[in-house]
Amino acid sequence: MQRRTLHLSMLAGLFAFSGWASAQTKWDLPAAYPATNFHTVNMTQFAADVDKATAGKLKITVHANASLFKAPEIKRAVQGGQAQLGEILLVNFQNEWQPFGADGLPFLADSYDESMKLYKAQKPLLEKKLAEQGMLLLYSVAWPPQGIYSKKPLNSVADLKGIKWRAYSPTTARIAELIGAQPVTVQAAEFSQALATGVVESTMTSGATGVDSKLFEHLKFYYDVQAWLPKNAVIANKKAFDGLDKPTQEAVLKAAAEAERRGWNESRKVNTSTLEILKANGMTVAPPSAQLKADMKKVGDTIMKEWLEKSGAEGKSIVDAFNR
């Protein structure tokens, strides 16, 4: 009788343990940028908020600086279920589906208010496309406006002819072609090394990336062109999300909405603070000359025309909704 009681109590203990183990879900969230980048800091807070709201039921681990998957691999990893979540730069996937690149079109939306307006126009299509691919858009946050970094002073686009230009998206590669520069595809995690070894010598990116990659160690000039504000998006695998119970799903969505609000506010602050850091480290930060701005606007017009041709009715619907 004693042995039977012992056996039953061991079984009860085993079930209790397995019940606890299955009650905790662990998710991975690969990201392409350093742990100190404001997007990553925001994501880490998102993970902490989910942990707290679910009393530890859902644990999200953020893998910064392309340590789990490289930037171009993250979307596929989420789609295929290798990671339950992921952060992607939307414009990276423009060749797959043109509307992913809407927020990388030069001078379409060149301020935070305009960028939010464009996001609202783009969002229904983004949600529909990601759903078709078995994913869910949790939230999206804009980078600060993009400017031009250079080793030498720039007065016009002619000064960029032949320069080795870091491209991170189809649009930035196309800009290089249109201005006569040499496009070189380099992801954020390899940017510093590419500059140190002379693989690239100019780029268009934000003050935030300039600080992350310490561009002031290799480049001397930053022209605050404010050409566009590309967005990062945090996406989830739909099956993984559907596998959560209702209260956990609601906790994730609530934390995501808060992360989106917080992220946009932080991006505005970072835009100001990072330009000050660039200056403090000896970089000349200046507005573009009238000629450089006009030249870049011309490039932007060409890219917009090409994008509308490629994106068809979907692209037109985004631009029309944005312009309303």
Protein backbone atom coordinates (compact mmCIF):
# COMPACT_ATOMS: atom_id res chain seq x y z
CA MET A 1 0.00 0.00 0.00
CA GLN A 2 2.88 2.32 0.94
CA ARG A 3 4.65 1.61 -2.36
CA ARG A 4 1.42 2.33 -4.36
CA THR A 5 0.97 5.66 -2.52
CA LEU A 6 4.61 6.59 -3.24
CA HIS A 7 4.17 5.66 -6.91
CA LEU A 8 1.00 7.80 -7.20
CA SER A 9 2.64 10.79 -5.51
CA MET A 10 5.62 10.55 -7.90
CA LEU A 11 3.24 10.49 -10.88
CA ALA A 12 1.34 13.49 -9.51
CA GLY A 13 4.64 15.34 -9.11
CA LEU A 14 5.66 14.48 -12.67
CA PHE A 15 2.33 15.75 -14.08
CA ALA A 16 2.62 18.90 -12.02
CA PHE A 17 6.13 19.53 -13.38
CA SER A 18 5.15 18.85 -17.02
CA GLY A 19 2.13 21.12 -16.56
CA TRP A 20 4.39 23.92 -15.36
CA ALA A 21 6.89 23.30 -18.19
CA SER A 22 4.22 23.41 -20.88
CA ALA A 23 2.66 26.48 -19.27
CA GLN A 24 5.76 28.53 -20.06
CA THR A 25 6.29 29.39 -23.73
CA LYS A 26 9.64 30.64 -25.03
CA TRP A 27 9.92 32.78 -28.16
CA ASP A 28 12.95 34.10 -30.04
CA LEU A 29 13.05 37.61 -31.51
CA PRO A 30 16.01 38.06 -33.90
CA ALA A 31 17.03 41.68 -34.68
CA ALA A 32 19.69 43.15 -36.97
CA TYR A 33 20.82 46.13 -34.89
CA PRO A 34 23.02 46.56 -31.78
CA ALA A 35 21.59 46.08 -28.28
CA THR A 36 22.07 49.83 -27.68
CA ASN A 37 20.05 50.91 -30.75
CA PHE A 38 16.75 52.55 -29.81
CA HIS A 39 14.74 49.98 -31.81
CA THR A 40 16.40 47.12 -29.88
CA VAL A 41 15.99 48.88 -26.52
CA ASN A 42 12.29 49.32 -27.36
CA MET A 43 11.96 45.63 -28.30
CA THR A 44 13.64 44.57 -25.07
CA GLN A 45 11.08 46.66 -23.18
CA PHE A 46 8.31 45.03 -25.26
CA ALA A 47 9.61 41.58 -24.22
CA ALA A 48 9.74 42.67 -20.56
CA ASP A 49 6.18 44.04 -20.77
CA VAL A 50 4.91 40.72 -22.18
CA ASP A 51 6.76 38.80 -19.47
CA LYS A 52 5.19 40.96 -16.76
CA ALA A 53 1.68 40.95 -18.25
CA THR A 54 1.66 37.15 -18.61
CA ALA A 55 3.36 36.53 -15.22
CA GLY A 56 6.26 34.80 -16.98
CA LYS A 57 4.02 32.57 -19.12
CA LEU A 58 5.52 33.93 -22.36
CA LYS A 59 9.26 34.61 -22.38
CA ILE A 60 10.66 36.49 -25.38
CA THR A 61 14.43 36.54 -25.94
CA VAL A 62 15.73 39.38 -28.13
CA HIS A 63 18.80 38.37 -30.20
CA ALA A 64 20.46 41.67 -31.17
CA ASN A 65 23.05 42.57 -33.81
CA ALA A 66 22.18 39.77 -36.28
CA SER A 67 23.42 37.19 -33.75
CA LEU A 68 20.67 34.64 -34.56
CA PHE A 69 19.85 35.48 -38.19
CA LYS A 70 21.30 38.07 -40.56
CA ALA A 71 18.99 40.94 -41.56
CA PRO A 72 17.89 39.49 -44.96
CA GLU A 73 17.16 36.08 -43.33
CA ILE A 74 14.88 37.23 -40.50
CA LYS A 75 11.61 37.48 -42.43
CA ARG A 76 12.04 33.99 -43.90
CA ALA A 77 12.93 32.62 -40.44
CA VAL A 78 9.65 33.97 -39.00
CA GLN A 79 7.64 32.80 -42.00
CA GLY A 80 9.12 29.29 -41.72
CA GLY A 81 8.70 29.09 -37.94
CA GLN A 82 12.45 29.03 -37.12
CA ALA A 83 11.76 32.13 -35.01
CA GLN A 84 8.38 33.07 -33.61
CA LEU A 85 9.06 36.81 -33.94
CA GLY A 86 11.45 39.00 -35.89
CA GLU A 87 12.29 42.63 -36.58
CA ILE A 88 12.72 43.57 -40.23
CA LEU A 89 13.50 46.72 -42.17
CA LEU A 90 10.52 46.82 -44.55
CA VAL A 91 12.36 48.46 -47.47
CA ASN A 92 14.77 45.47 -47.58
CA PHE A 93 11.97 43.38 -49.07
CA GLN A 94 10.82 45.72 -51.83
CA ASN A 95 11.95 43.36 -54.61
CA GLU A 96 9.67 40.68 -53.15
CA TRP A 97 6.64 43.00 -53.04
CA GLN A 98 6.93 46.66 -54.08
CA PRO A 99 4.72 48.19 -51.32
CA PHE A 100 7.26 47.03 -48.72
CA GLY A 101 9.41 49.84 -50.13
CA ALA A 102 6.86 52.67 -49.92
CA ASP A 103 8.56 54.32 -46.94
CA GLY A 104 11.93 54.34 -48.74
CA LEU A 105 10.73 56.54 -51.60
CA PRO A 106 12.79 59.76 -51.51
CA PHE A 107 10.84 62.87 -50.44
CA LEU A 108 7.40 61.20 -50.45
CA ALA A 109 7.20 61.40 -46.63
CA ASP A 110 10.08 63.42 -45.19
CA SER A 111 8.94 64.24 -41.63
CA TYR A 112 7.58 62.26 -38.68
CA ASP A 113 4.01 63.48 -39.22
CA GLU A 114 4.16 62.63 -42.93
CA SER A 115 5.77 59.28 -42.14
CA MET A 116 2.93 58.36 -39.75
CA LYS A 117 0.43 59.41 -42.41
CA LEU A 118 2.19 57.12 -44.92
CA TYR A 119 2.21 54.27 -42.39
CA LYS A 120 -1.56 54.56 -41.97
CA ALA A 121 -1.96 54.45 -45.77
CA GLN A 122 0.40 51.48 -46.08
CA LYS A 123 -0.72 49.46 -43.02
CA PRO A 124 -3.86 47.70 -44.38
CA LEU A 125 -1.86 46.36 -47.34
CA LEU A 126 1.06 45.35 -45.10
CA GLU A 127 -1.27 43.44 -42.77
CA LYS A 128 -3.00 41.68 -45.69
CA LYS A 129 0.29 40.69 -47.37
CA LEU A 130 1.88 39.41 -44.16
CA ALA A 131 -1.31 37.44 -43.34
CA GLU A 132 -1.10 35.78 -46.79
CA GLN A 133 2.46 34.79 -45.88
CA GLY A 134 1.40 33.33 -42.51
CA MET A 135 2.52 36.31 -40.42
CA LEU A 136 1.13 39.08 -38.27
CA LEU A 137 2.26 42.72 -38.06
CA LEU A 138 2.66 43.52 -34.35
CA TYR A 139 4.07 47.05 -34.59
CA SER A 140 6.24 49.33 -36.70
CA VAL A 141 8.56 52.23 -35.81
CA ALA A 142 10.23 54.78 -38.11
CA TRP A 143 13.94 55.47 -38.20
CA PRO A 144 15.01 59.12 -38.06
CA PRO A 145 15.17 60.93 -41.45
CA GLN A 146 17.90 59.79 -43.83
CA GLY A 147 20.83 62.01 -44.79
CA ILE A 148 24.06 61.63 -46.78
CA TYR A 149 27.41 60.76 -45.20
CA SER A 150 30.59 61.51 -47.07
CA LYS A 151 34.38 61.75 -46.68
CA LYS A 152 34.45 65.00 -48.64
CA PRO A 153 32.23 68.11 -48.93
CA LEU A 154 29.26 67.75 -51.29
CA ASN A 155 27.82 70.65 -53.24
CA SER A 156 25.90 68.66 -55.84
CA VAL A 157 25.21 65.08 -56.93
CA ALA A 158 28.18 65.38 -59.34
CA ASP A 159 30.47 65.18 -56.27
CA LEU A 160 29.23 61.63 -55.63
CA LYS A 161 30.16 60.28 -59.07
CA GLY A 162 32.27 57.10 -58.83
CA ILE A 163 32.09 56.98 -55.01
CA LYS A 164 31.68 53.58 -53.27
CA TRP A 165 28.16 53.89 -51.88
CA ARG A 166 26.73 51.61 -49.20
CA ALA A 167 23.31 50.34 -50.28
CA TYR A 168 20.97 48.60 -47.82
CA SER A 169 17.79 48.38 -49.93
CA PRO A 170 16.73 48.28 -53.61
CA THR A 171 16.04 52.05 -53.51
CA THR A 172 19.44 52.98 -52.05
CA ALA A 173 21.09 50.81 -54.73
CA ARG A 174 19.02 52.53 -57.43
CA ILE A 175 19.99 55.96 -56.08
CA ALA A 176 23.64 54.97 -56.47
CA GLU A 177 23.02 54.05 -60.13
CA LEU A 178 21.21 57.31 -60.83
CA ILE A 179 23.94 59.49 -59.30
CA GLY A 180 26.79 57.53 -60.91
CA ALA A 181 28.09 56.01 -57.66
CA GLN A 182 29.13 52.36 -57.15
CA PRO A 183 26.50 50.54 -55.04
CA VAL A 184 27.87 48.08 -52.46
CA THR A 185 25.37 46.08 -50.38
CA VAL A 186 26.42 46.11 -46.72
CA GLN A 187 24.18 45.21 -43.76
CA ALA A 188 24.22 47.25 -40.53
CA ALA A 189 26.22 44.65 -38.56
CA GLU A 190 29.11 44.82 -41.10
CA PHE A 191 29.01 48.57 -41.73
CA SER A 192 31.92 49.65 -39.51
CA GLN A 193 34.23 47.01 -40.94
CA ALA A 194 33.28 47.95 -44.52
CA LEU A 195 34.25 51.57 -43.81
CA ALA A 196 37.50 50.62 -42.08
CA THR A 197 38.57 48.47 -45.03
CA GLY A 198 37.52 51.00 -47.68
CA VAL A 199 34.76 48.81 -49.12
CA VAL A 200 32.40 51.82 -48.82
CA GLU A 201 33.01 55.56 -48.49
CA SER A 202 29.55 57.11 -48.55
CA THR A 203 25.94 56.25 -47.75
CA MET A 204 22.45 57.53 -47.02
CA THR A 205 21.25 56.63 -43.55
CA SER A 206 20.10 58.19 -40.27
CA GLY A 207 21.98 59.90 -37.46
CA ALA A 208 21.09 56.86 -35.32
CA THR A 209 22.97 54.46 -37.62
CA GLY A 210 25.80 57.00 -37.80
CA VAL A 211 26.22 56.75 -34.03
CA ASP A 212 25.66 52.95 -33.88
CA SER A 213 28.36 52.36 -36.50
CA LYS A 214 30.63 55.22 -35.33
CA LEU A 215 30.67 56.69 -38.84
CA PHE A 216 32.48 59.74 -37.46
CA GLU A 217 35.62 57.56 -37.20
CA HIS A 218 35.75 57.26 -41.01
CA LEU A 219 33.52 59.95 -42.56
CA LYS A 220 33.66 63.70 -42.01
CA PHE A 221 30.41 65.15 -43.39
CA TYR A 222 26.71 64.54 -42.79
CA TYR A 223 24.15 66.35 -44.93
CA ASP A 224 20.73 66.36 -43.28
CA VAL A 225 18.74 65.82 -46.48
CA GLN A 226 15.73 64.29 -44.64
CA ALA A 227 14.92 62.18 -47.68
CA TRP A 228 12.70 59.51 -46.09
CA LEU A 229 12.00 57.70 -42.80
CA PRO A 230 12.16 53.93 -43.36
CA LYS A 231 10.38 51.73 -40.83
CA ASN A 232 11.29 48.62 -38.90
CA ALA A 233 8.43 46.19 -38.29
CA VAL A 234 8.13 43.50 -35.62
CA ILE A 235 6.31 40.53 -37.11
CA ALA A 236 5.03 37.27 -35.61
CA ASN A 237 4.53 33.79 -36.99
CA LYS A 238 0.72 33.44 -37.19
CA LYS A 239 0.66 29.77 -36.11
CA ALA A 240 2.80 30.55 -33.06
CA PHE A 241 0.54 33.48 -32.18
CA ASP A 242 -2.64 31.42 -32.70
CA GLY A 243 -1.16 28.78 -30.38
CA LEU A 244 -1.26 31.21 -27.44
CA ASP A 245 -4.29 31.39 -25.18
CA LYS A 246 -6.54 34.46 -25.50
CA PRO A 247 -5.20 36.41 -22.45
CA THR A 248 -1.59 35.91 -23.66
CA GLN A 249 -2.50 37.05 -27.19
CA GLU A 250 -4.12 40.16 -25.74
CA ALA A 251 -1.04 40.84 -23.59
CA VAL A 252 1.20 40.63 -26.69
CA LEU A 253 -1.03 42.98 -28.73
CA LYS A 254 -1.28 45.48 -25.88
CA ALA A 255 2.51 45.48 -25.34
CA ALA A 256 2.99 45.86 -29.13
CA ALA A 257 0.68 48.91 -29.29
CA GLU A 258 2.62 50.48 -26.42
CA ALA A 259 5.96 49.65 -28.11
CA GLU A 260 4.79 51.37 -31.31
CA ARG A 261 3.75 54.53 -29.45
CA ARG A 262 6.95 54.56 -27.36
CA GLY A 263 9.17 53.79 -30.37
CA TRP A 264 7.93 56.71 -32.48
CA ASN A 265 8.41 59.10 -29.56
CA GLU A 266 11.91 57.74 -28.97
CA SER A 267 12.81 58.05 -32.68
CA ARG A 268 12.09 61.79 -32.55
CA LYS A 269 14.36 62.20 -29.50
CA VAL A 270 17.09 60.04 -31.06
CA ASN A 271 17.03 62.14 -34.23
CA THR A 272 18.06 65.21 -32.21
CA SER A 273 20.48 63.51 -29.81
CA THR A 274 22.39 61.50 -32.44
CA LEU A 275 23.06 64.54 -34.64
CA GLU A 276 24.53 66.23 -31.54
CA ILE A 277 26.74 63.15 -30.93
CA LEU A 278 27.98 63.27 -34.54
CA LYS A 279 28.93 66.94 -34.07
CA ALA A 280 30.61 66.26 -30.71
CA ASN A 281 32.78 63.65 -32.44
CA GLY A 282 34.05 66.12 -35.03
CA MET A 283 31.63 65.51 -37.87
CA THR A 284 30.33 68.47 -39.88
CA VAL A 285 26.52 68.28 -39.77
CA ALA A 286 24.87 70.64 -42.25
CA PRO A 287 21.76 71.08 -44.37
CA PRO A 288 22.26 70.20 -48.07
CA SER A 289 23.05 72.98 -50.51
CA ALA A 290 20.15 74.10 -52.70
CA GLN A 291 21.82 72.33 -55.64
CA LEU A 292 22.31 69.03 -53.78
CA LYS A 293 18.70 69.11 -52.56
CA ALA A 294 17.40 69.84 -56.09
CA ASP A 295 19.57 67.09 -57.58
CA MET A 296 18.34 64.56 -55.00
CA LYS A 297 14.72 65.62 -55.56
CA LYS A 298 15.17 64.86 -59.27
CA VAL A 299 16.51 61.40 -58.38
CA GLY A 300 13.50 60.94 -56.09
CA ASP A 301 11.06 61.82 -58.88
CA THR A 302 12.62 59.16 -61.14
CA ILE A 303 12.45 56.53 -58.39
CA MET A 304 8.81 57.40 -57.62
CA LYS A 305 7.83 57.05 -61.29
CA GLU A 306 9.58 53.67 -61.56
CA TRP A 307 8.03 52.45 -58.29
CA LEU A 308 4.49 53.39 -59.35
CA GLU A 309 4.98 51.46 -62.60
CA LYS A 310 6.22 48.37 -60.73
CA SER A 311 3.78 48.48 -57.83
CA GLY A 312 0.66 48.98 -59.98
CA ALA A 313 -2.75 49.43 -58.35
CA GLU A 314 -1.43 48.65 -54.84
CA GLY A 315 1.24 51.34 -55.03
CA LYS A 316 -1.21 53.87 -56.46
CA SER A 317 -3.71 53.14 -53.66
CA ILE A 318 -1.03 53.84 -51.02
CA VAL A 319 0.04 57.14 -52.61
CA ASP A 320 -3.60 58.20 -53.17
CA ALA A 321 -4.50 57.43 -49.53
CA PHE A 322 -1.38 59.29 -48.38
CA ASN A 323 -2.20 62.36 -50.49
CA ARG A 324 -5.84 62.54 -49.33
